[in-house]
Amino acid sequence: MRSQLLSAAALLVAMVFTCEAQVPAPATPESLVAAAKRAAGTDYSGTFLRICVAPDNLAGGAARGAAPPARVVPDRSTWYARPYRVFDNLYFIGTRIHSAWALTTNDGIIVIDTLFDYAIEPEMVEGMTALGLDPRTIKYVLISHAHGDHDQGAALLQSRYGAKVVMGEADWASTLQRGATAPGGVPKRDIAVGPGGLKLKLGDTTLDVIATPGHTPGTLSYVFPVKDGGRTLTVAYSGGTAFNFPRLAENFARYRDTQRKMTEVAEAAGATILMTNHTEFDRAYDRVRLAQLPRAAGEKHPYETDTATVLRYFEMLGTCAEVQRLSMQ
């Protein structure tokens, strides 16, 4: 009897220690940085350093409503890029630093982001013309977020070609406050996207607009199809990456949650291509030029990876945001 009691007691102790061993240790900034580094791998190592090791707002970030710095137009040689056809239905019309795209359909063109005002004519209008695209057929202009490097060309495309401008509800509010003296002018309010997102259909193409507040309150991200020969691939487009917002715990929590949302959306869509609106984050300027080279039979497009690699980008962003949130406690 005594031996049975001892055996039962030993079993109970073993079960207690086993249960305790299975309880995961609480996350710390250090453990999350290591997790983000693993998620980044070699694919996103530069982005990891930019947002996890030395985020833009580490010193506190700019206060909302602060006066913008004096505008300086950089020398053309530092930003100008040739336009390129990258997929059968997607054309790069951005700079070496900021991406902009023309997505063609059988009923017109969807433009994604519009650069600084000084780049709209040489990069987008002249670039589209050089590629054989007619800017007069632009039907929609999608603005990922209301920062000048992505939205200053919107007013021109709207007024000159009648394109409808699509922007996040919260970012419309800040955009319309700028006034007519803002570089590039201010577009008239067209389509505002709320928390539920939007399915934008034009001709044979449907683009999913996802509300991903964080980088700005009205940041938008996208999922859309591209064609590569006889194949259709899916792009997950991140609308805002860097931490340049006020350094508040709730801002990092919001950013973290939207990256988890994009992880779910990209996984459900089976996205195998990751794009962003800054060329440093997805190596766009390199990849669009690589796409011009001949490929061997069966060789992947320079932008094509796999869904797991795409998801690691959003996992890294969300984890880095949680690092910053925990660091403030």
Protein backbone atom coordinates (compact mmCIF):
# COMPACT_ATOMS: atom_id res chain seq x y z
CA MET A 1 0.00 0.00 0.00
CA ARG A 2 2.82 2.33 0.98
CA SER A 3 4.62 1.66 -2.31
CA GLN A 4 1.44 2.49 -4.21
CA LEU A 5 1.10 5.80 -2.35
CA LEU A 6 4.74 6.64 -3.06
CA SER A 7 4.25 5.82 -6.74
CA ALA A 8 1.16 8.02 -6.89
CA ALA A 9 2.98 10.87 -5.19
CA ALA A 10 5.92 10.54 -7.55
CA LEU A 11 3.55 10.58 -10.51
CA LEU A 12 1.83 13.71 -9.17
CA VAL A 13 5.17 15.50 -8.72
CA ALA A 14 6.21 14.51 -12.24
CA MET A 15 2.94 15.83 -13.65
CA VAL A 16 3.40 19.15 -11.81
CA PHE A 17 6.92 19.58 -13.15
CA THR A 18 5.78 18.57 -16.64
CA CYS A 19 2.96 21.14 -16.61
CA GLU A 20 5.30 23.83 -15.34
CA ALA A 21 7.80 22.97 -18.06
CA GLN A 22 5.10 23.40 -20.70
CA VAL A 23 4.20 26.92 -19.59
CA PRO A 24 5.99 29.25 -22.03
CA ALA A 25 8.17 31.97 -20.60
CA PRO A 26 6.68 35.45 -20.93
CA ALA A 27 7.86 37.35 -24.00
CA THR A 28 10.56 39.93 -23.44
CA PRO A 29 11.89 42.58 -25.84
CA GLU A 30 15.08 40.52 -26.17
CA SER A 31 13.28 37.28 -27.02
CA LEU A 32 11.03 39.07 -29.50
CA VAL A 33 13.98 40.74 -31.24
CA ALA A 34 15.46 37.27 -31.70
CA ALA A 35 12.13 36.02 -33.07
CA ALA A 36 11.89 38.98 -35.47
CA LYS A 37 15.45 38.34 -36.65
CA ARG A 38 14.56 34.72 -37.40
CA ALA A 39 11.46 35.83 -39.31
CA ALA A 40 13.52 38.33 -41.31
CA GLY A 41 16.15 35.81 -42.31
CA THR A 42 18.27 36.99 -45.21
CA ASP A 43 15.21 38.13 -47.18
CA TYR A 44 14.34 41.10 -44.96
CA SER A 45 17.53 41.71 -42.98
CA GLY A 46 17.75 45.38 -43.98
CA THR A 47 14.15 46.04 -42.97
CA PHE A 48 14.76 44.26 -39.65
CA LEU A 49 17.66 46.59 -38.88
CA ARG A 50 15.65 49.63 -39.89
CA ILE A 51 12.58 49.00 -37.73
CA CYS A 52 13.67 46.62 -34.96
CA VAL A 53 17.18 47.81 -34.17
CA ALA A 54 16.99 51.53 -34.97
CA PRO A 55 13.35 52.58 -35.54
CA ASP A 56 12.75 56.08 -36.87
CA ASN A 57 10.80 57.19 -33.80
CA LEU A 58 13.26 55.93 -31.18
CA ALA A 59 13.80 59.49 -29.95
CA GLY A 60 10.09 60.09 -29.52
CA GLY A 61 8.82 60.79 -33.03
CA ALA A 62 7.40 63.96 -34.50
CA ALA A 63 4.34 65.39 -32.81
CA ARG A 64 1.16 65.43 -34.81
CA GLY A 65 0.57 68.80 -36.40
CA ALA A 66 4.24 69.82 -36.25
CA ALA A 67 5.44 72.01 -39.10
CA PRO A 68 7.01 69.95 -41.91
CA PRO A 69 10.67 70.52 -42.74
CA ALA A 70 11.57 72.93 -45.52
CA ARG A 71 10.99 71.37 -48.92
CA VAL A 72 14.11 70.60 -50.94
CA VAL A 73 13.93 69.03 -54.39
CA PRO A 74 16.86 66.63 -54.68
CA ASP A 75 19.01 66.37 -57.77
CA ARG A 76 17.30 64.28 -60.45
CA SER A 77 20.29 61.94 -60.71
CA THR A 78 19.65 60.73 -57.16
CA TRP A 79 16.06 59.55 -57.71
CA TYR A 80 15.11 59.19 -61.37
CA ALA A 81 14.50 55.64 -62.62
CA ARG A 82 13.47 54.30 -66.01
CA PRO A 83 9.98 52.81 -66.21
CA TYR A 84 9.69 49.06 -66.68
CA ARG A 85 7.13 46.43 -67.53
CA VAL A 86 7.56 43.99 -64.66
CA PHE A 87 4.62 41.60 -65.12
CA ASP A 88 2.25 41.23 -68.06
CA ASN A 89 -0.20 43.60 -66.34
CA LEU A 90 1.99 45.55 -63.88
CA TYR A 91 4.39 48.36 -64.71
CA PHE A 92 6.93 50.11 -62.47
CA ILE A 93 6.65 53.90 -62.72
CA GLY A 94 8.45 54.81 -59.50
CA THR A 95 11.79 56.28 -58.49
CA ARG A 96 14.87 54.58 -57.15
CA ILE A 97 13.52 55.25 -53.65
CA HIS A 98 9.71 55.23 -53.85
CA SER A 99 7.58 52.75 -55.74
CA ALA A 100 4.57 53.53 -57.91
CA TRP A 101 2.79 51.09 -60.18
CA ALA A 102 0.34 50.94 -63.05
CA LEU A 103 -1.92 47.87 -62.90
CA THR A 104 -3.60 47.37 -66.26
CA THR A 105 -7.02 45.81 -66.83
CA ASN A 106 -9.27 45.42 -69.85
CA ASP A 107 -11.19 48.50 -68.73
CA GLY A 108 -8.44 50.93 -67.76
CA ILE A 109 -5.58 51.42 -65.34
CA ILE A 110 -5.29 51.39 -61.55
CA VAL A 111 -2.35 53.47 -60.28
CA ILE A 112 -0.84 52.53 -56.94
CA ASP A 113 0.81 55.49 -55.16
CA THR A 114 1.93 58.73 -56.79
CA LEU A 115 5.35 59.87 -55.48
CA PHE A 116 6.50 63.40 -54.63
CA ASP A 117 5.11 66.14 -56.87
CA TYR A 118 8.48 66.72 -58.60
CA ALA A 119 8.49 63.10 -59.84
CA ILE A 120 4.90 62.81 -61.12
CA GLU A 121 5.58 64.12 -64.64
CA PRO A 122 8.94 62.48 -65.45
CA GLU A 123 8.31 59.17 -63.69
CA MET A 124 4.58 58.55 -63.98
CA VAL A 125 3.10 60.56 -66.87
CA GLU A 126 6.11 60.34 -69.17
CA GLY A 127 6.96 56.87 -67.89
CA MET A 128 3.53 55.48 -68.75
CA THR A 129 3.67 57.07 -72.19
CA ALA A 130 7.11 55.55 -72.83
CA LEU A 131 5.70 52.13 -71.93
CA GLY A 132 2.81 52.52 -74.35
CA LEU A 133 0.21 53.18 -71.65
CA ASP A 134 -2.27 56.03 -72.00
CA PRO A 135 -2.59 58.08 -68.78
CA ARG A 136 -6.05 59.14 -69.94
CA THR A 137 -7.25 55.61 -69.20
CA ILE A 138 -6.38 55.83 -65.48
CA LYS A 139 -9.61 55.09 -63.61
CA TYR A 140 -8.41 54.85 -60.00
CA VAL A 141 -5.47 56.19 -58.01
CA LEU A 142 -4.80 54.27 -54.78
CA ILE A 143 -2.91 56.07 -52.02
CA SER A 144 -1.36 53.71 -49.49
CA HIS A 145 -1.00 56.49 -46.93
CA ALA A 146 -1.06 60.27 -46.73
CA HIS A 147 2.63 61.14 -46.78
CA GLY A 148 4.01 63.39 -49.48
CA ASP A 149 6.29 60.75 -50.98
CA HIS A 150 3.18 58.73 -51.92
CA ASP A 151 0.33 61.18 -52.45
CA GLN A 152 1.60 64.46 -53.92
CA GLY A 153 0.84 63.38 -57.49
CA ALA A 154 -2.77 62.42 -56.77
CA ALA A 155 -4.27 65.86 -57.46
CA LEU A 156 -2.65 66.04 -60.89
CA LEU A 157 -3.90 62.61 -61.98
CA GLN A 158 -7.37 63.47 -60.69
CA SER A 159 -7.67 66.90 -62.30
CA ARG A 160 -5.97 66.08 -65.60
CA TYR A 161 -7.35 62.60 -66.30
CA GLY A 162 -10.48 62.36 -64.16
CA ALA A 163 -9.14 59.48 -62.07
CA LYS A 164 -10.89 58.72 -58.78
CA VAL A 165 -8.63 58.89 -55.73
CA VAL A 166 -8.94 56.14 -53.11
CA MET A 167 -7.60 56.80 -49.61
CA GLY A 168 -8.15 55.67 -46.05
CA GLU A 169 -10.88 57.58 -44.23
CA ALA A 170 -8.54 58.90 -41.53
CA ASP A 171 -5.92 59.98 -44.06
CA TRP A 172 -8.45 61.94 -46.12
CA ALA A 173 -8.99 64.13 -43.06
CA SER A 174 -5.31 65.03 -42.75
CA THR A 175 -4.89 65.45 -46.51
CA LEU A 176 -7.73 67.92 -46.91
CA GLN A 177 -6.29 70.07 -44.11
CA ARG A 178 -3.10 70.80 -46.05
CA GLY A 179 -4.57 73.47 -48.29
CA ALA A 180 -3.99 74.37 -51.92
CA THR A 181 -0.43 75.58 -51.25
CA ALA A 182 0.74 72.03 -50.47
CA PRO A 183 3.24 70.63 -53.01
CA GLY A 184 1.25 69.02 -55.79
CA GLY A 185 -2.01 70.44 -54.49
CA VAL A 186 -4.74 68.53 -52.69
CA PRO A 187 -7.12 66.13 -54.46
CA LYS A 188 -10.87 66.41 -54.01
CA ARG A 189 -12.32 63.71 -51.79
CA ASP A 190 -13.46 60.73 -53.83
CA ILE A 191 -13.47 57.27 -52.25
CA ALA A 192 -12.79 56.83 -48.52
CA VAL A 193 -11.95 53.37 -47.17
CA GLY A 194 -13.10 52.53 -43.66
CA PRO A 195 -12.11 49.70 -41.29
CA GLY A 196 -13.93 47.10 -43.37
CA GLY A 197 -11.77 47.67 -46.43
CA LEU A 198 -12.96 47.61 -50.05
CA LYS A 199 -13.09 45.32 -53.05
CA LEU A 200 -12.15 47.43 -56.06
CA LYS A 201 -13.19 45.84 -59.35
CA LEU A 202 -12.13 47.24 -62.71
CA GLY A 203 -12.74 45.16 -65.79
CA ASP A 204 -11.20 41.73 -65.38
CA THR A 205 -9.29 42.58 -62.20
CA THR A 206 -10.35 42.74 -58.54
CA LEU A 207 -8.05 44.39 -56.02
CA ASP A 208 -8.62 43.92 -52.29
CA VAL A 209 -8.03 47.09 -50.28
CA ILE A 210 -7.30 46.31 -46.63
CA ALA A 211 -7.38 48.93 -43.88
CA THR A 212 -4.08 48.59 -42.00
CA PRO A 213 -3.79 51.60 -39.66
CA GLY A 214 -0.42 51.99 -37.99
CA HIS A 215 2.12 53.80 -40.16
CA THR A 216 -0.61 56.44 -40.48
CA PRO A 217 -4.16 56.23 -39.12
CA GLY A 218 -5.53 55.56 -42.61
CA THR A 219 -2.86 53.31 -44.11
CA LEU A 220 -4.10 50.91 -46.80
CA SER A 221 -2.54 47.66 -47.99
CA TYR A 222 -3.54 45.59 -51.01
CA VAL A 223 -3.85 42.09 -52.42
CA PHE A 224 -4.12 41.76 -56.19
CA PRO A 225 -3.30 39.40 -59.08
CA VAL A 226 -0.46 39.75 -61.54
CA LYS A 227 0.17 37.72 -64.67
CA ASP A 228 3.48 36.14 -65.59
CA GLY A 229 3.13 34.41 -68.92
CA GLY A 230 0.39 31.83 -68.50
CA ARG A 231 0.42 32.01 -64.70
CA THR A 232 -1.52 34.20 -62.29
CA LEU A 233 0.33 35.12 -59.10
CA THR A 234 -0.87 37.03 -56.04
CA VAL A 235 0.77 40.12 -54.58
CA ALA A 236 0.54 41.22 -50.95
CA TYR A 237 1.38 44.95 -50.91
CA SER A 238 2.37 46.52 -47.59
CA GLY A 239 1.12 50.09 -47.38
CA GLY A 240 3.34 51.34 -44.56
CA THR A 241 6.44 49.90 -42.94
CA ALA A 242 8.62 52.25 -40.87
CA PHE A 243 7.85 53.41 -37.34
CA ASN A 244 7.66 57.17 -37.91
CA PHE A 245 4.57 57.82 -35.78
CA PRO A 246 4.45 59.24 -32.22
CA ARG A 247 6.03 56.84 -29.79
CA LEU A 248 2.98 55.69 -27.83
CA ALA A 249 2.17 52.16 -26.67
CA GLU A 250 -1.26 52.22 -28.31
CA ASN A 251 0.28 53.15 -31.67
CA PHE A 252 2.60 50.14 -31.56
CA ALA A 253 -0.27 47.88 -30.49
CA ARG A 254 -2.37 49.07 -33.42
CA TYR A 255 0.52 48.53 -35.84
CA ARG A 256 1.15 45.04 -34.40
CA ASP A 257 -2.50 44.05 -34.81
CA THR A 258 -2.72 45.20 -38.43
CA GLN A 259 0.36 43.17 -39.34
CA ARG A 260 -1.29 40.10 -37.84
CA LYS A 261 -4.33 40.95 -39.95
CA MET A 262 -2.19 41.16 -43.10
CA THR A 263 -0.60 37.82 -42.23
CA GLU A 264 -4.06 36.22 -42.23
CA VAL A 265 -5.14 37.98 -45.43
CA ALA A 266 -1.95 37.13 -47.32
CA GLU A 267 -2.11 33.51 -46.19
CA ALA A 268 -5.75 33.13 -47.22
CA ALA A 269 -4.95 34.63 -50.63
CA GLY A 270 -1.91 32.40 -51.14
CA ALA A 271 0.28 35.43 -51.89
CA THR A 272 3.75 34.56 -53.18
CA ILE A 273 4.93 38.10 -53.93
CA LEU A 274 5.69 40.78 -51.34
CA MET A 275 5.71 44.43 -52.41
CA THR A 276 6.01 47.69 -50.50
CA ASN A 277 6.02 51.35 -51.47
CA HIS A 278 9.67 51.95 -50.54
CA THR A 279 12.20 50.19 -52.73
CA GLU A 280 14.55 49.56 -49.79
CA PHE A 281 12.06 47.20 -48.17
CA ASP A 282 11.35 44.89 -51.14
CA ARG A 283 14.40 45.65 -53.32
CA ALA A 284 12.06 46.92 -56.00
CA TYR A 285 14.62 48.90 -57.96
CA ASP A 286 16.80 45.77 -58.25
CA ARG A 287 13.96 43.38 -58.99
CA VAL A 288 12.30 45.46 -61.71
CA ARG A 289 15.59 45.55 -63.59
CA LEU A 290 16.24 41.84 -63.06
CA ALA A 291 12.79 41.20 -64.53
CA GLN A 292 14.05 42.55 -67.86
CA LEU A 293 16.60 39.74 -68.23
CA PRO A 294 15.80 36.48 -70.05
CA ARG A 295 14.80 33.58 -67.82
CA ALA A 296 15.54 29.92 -68.25
CA ALA A 297 12.63 27.52 -68.59
CA GLY A 298 10.97 27.07 -65.20
CA GLU A 299 12.93 29.91 -63.58
CA LYS A 300 10.87 32.03 -61.19
CA HIS A 301 10.14 35.69 -61.66
CA PRO A 302 12.58 37.83 -59.58
CA TYR A 303 9.68 38.98 -57.39
CA GLU A 304 8.24 35.50 -56.79
CA THR A 305 8.94 33.70 -53.52
CA ASP A 306 6.45 31.53 -51.62
CA THR A 307 3.65 32.20 -49.18
CA ALA A 308 5.77 31.35 -46.12
CA THR A 309 8.35 33.96 -47.13
CA VAL A 310 5.66 36.59 -47.67
CA LEU A 311 4.15 35.86 -44.25
CA ARG A 312 7.52 36.22 -42.56
CA TYR A 313 7.58 39.89 -43.60
CA PHE A 314 4.36 40.69 -41.75
CA GLU A 315 5.36 38.49 -38.81
CA MET A 316 8.60 40.46 -38.52
CA LEU A 317 6.81 43.82 -38.62
CA GLY A 318 4.27 42.82 -35.99
CA THR A 319 6.93 41.35 -33.72
CA CYS A 320 9.13 44.45 -33.99
CA ALA A 321 6.13 46.61 -33.07
CA GLU A 322 5.53 44.46 -29.99
CA VAL A 323 9.21 44.85 -29.07
CA GLN A 324 8.76 48.61 -28.98
CA ARG A 325 5.49 48.39 -27.07
CA LEU A 326 7.01 46.20 -24.36
CA SER A 327 10.11 48.39 -24.17
CA MET A 328 7.92 51.29 -23.06
CA GLN A 329 6.51 49.47 -20.03
